[in-house]
């Protein structure tokens, strides 16, 4: 199981904040949800998309997960 560094998560959050028009602390919170799901794998990744969208209905959960995966170098199944 890979643990992402704070620098990796901060960079992914900065990118997501810009792409999804979020403030950086909120983007980091959402990135943490997704990164945790990546470490768990399986259904947790799909659940993370729902969790992101539940947390912020203005953000498309699947698009956010795709963006974070791209920024963290995670290959989605």
Protein backbone atom coordinates (compact mmCIF):
# COMPACT_ATOMS: atom_id res chain seq x y z
CA UNK A 1 0.00 0.00 0.00
CA UNK A 2 1.46 3.33 -1.09
CA UNK A 3 1.18 6.34 1.21
CA UNK A 4 1.19 9.69 -0.57
CA UNK A 5 3.44 12.41 0.82
CA UNK A 6 2.06 15.74 1.98
CA UNK A 7 3.83 17.40 -0.96
CA UNK A 8 2.11 15.08 -3.45
CA UNK A 9 -1.26 15.70 -1.84
CA UNK A 10 -0.69 19.46 -1.68
CA UNK A 11 0.20 19.55 -5.39
CA UNK A 12 -2.87 17.50 -6.30
CA UNK A 13 -5.01 19.82 -4.17
CA UNK A 14 -3.57 22.94 -5.82
CA UNK A 15 -4.33 21.51 -9.25
CA UNK A 16 -7.84 20.44 -8.22
CA UNK A 17 -8.52 23.82 -6.61
CA UNK A 18 -7.70 25.54 -9.88
CA UNK A 19 -9.57 23.10 -12.12
CA UNK A 20 -12.72 22.89 -9.99
CA UNK A 21 -12.69 26.48 -8.69
CA UNK A 22 -12.27 25.51 -5.03
CA UNK A 23 -10.29 27.06 -2.23
CA UNK A 24 -7.11 25.08 -1.57
CA UNK A 25 -7.97 23.82 1.96
CA UNK A 26 -11.31 22.46 0.72
CA UNK A 27 -9.64 20.87 -2.30
CA UNK A 28 -7.07 19.25 0.01
CA UNK A 29 -9.88 17.79 2.12
CA UNK A 30 -11.42 16.25 -1.00
CA UNK A 31 -8.03 15.04 -2.27
CA UNK A 32 -7.49 13.30 1.09
CA UNK A 33 -10.78 11.41 0.59
CA UNK A 34 -9.68 10.26 -2.84
CA UNK A 35 -6.09 9.41 -1.85
CA UNK A 36 -7.35 7.28 1.03
CA UNK A 37 -9.58 5.43 -1.41
CA UNK A 38 -6.61 4.83 -3.71
CA UNK A 39 -4.71 3.18 -0.87
CA UNK A 40 -7.76 1.00 -0.07
CA UNK A 41 -8.53 0.18 -3.72
CA UNK A 42 -11.57 -1.59 -5.12
CA UNK A 43 -15.00 -0.20 -4.32
CA UNK A 44 -13.48 2.52 -2.15
CA UNK A 45 -12.53 4.42 -5.30
CA UNK A 46 -16.09 4.50 -6.63
CA UNK A 47 -17.32 5.38 -3.16
CA UNK A 48 -14.85 8.29 -3.05
CA UNK A 49 -16.47 9.82 -6.13
CA UNK A 50 -19.80 9.78 -4.31
CA UNK A 51 -18.21 11.11 -1.11
CA UNK A 52 -16.64 14.02 -3.01
CA UNK A 53 -19.93 14.91 -4.67
CA UNK A 54 -21.82 14.58 -1.37
CA UNK A 55 -19.27 16.86 0.28
CA UNK A 56 -19.52 19.44 -2.52
CA UNK A 57 -22.44 19.02 -4.95
CA UNK A 58 -20.86 21.53 -7.35
CA UNK A 59 -17.96 19.10 -7.97
CA UNK A 60 -18.43 16.15 -10.34
CA UNK A 61 -17.10 13.30 -8.21
CA UNK A 62 -15.86 11.07 -11.04
CA UNK A 63 -14.09 13.96 -12.76
CA UNK A 64 -12.47 14.91 -9.46
CA UNK A 65 -11.26 11.34 -8.89
CA UNK A 66 -9.86 11.24 -12.45
CA UNK A 67 -8.05 14.55 -11.89
CA UNK A 68 -6.53 13.44 -8.60
CA UNK A 69 -5.50 10.10 -10.12
CA UNK A 70 -3.76 11.94 -12.94
CA UNK A 71 -1.96 14.27 -10.54
CA UNK A 72 -0.87 11.48 -8.23
CA UNK A 73 0.14 9.11 -11.04
CA UNK A 74 -2.48 6.55 -10.00
CA UNK A 75 -3.72 4.20 -12.73
CA UNK A 76 -7.45 3.83 -12.39
CA UNK A 77 -8.83 0.36 -13.15
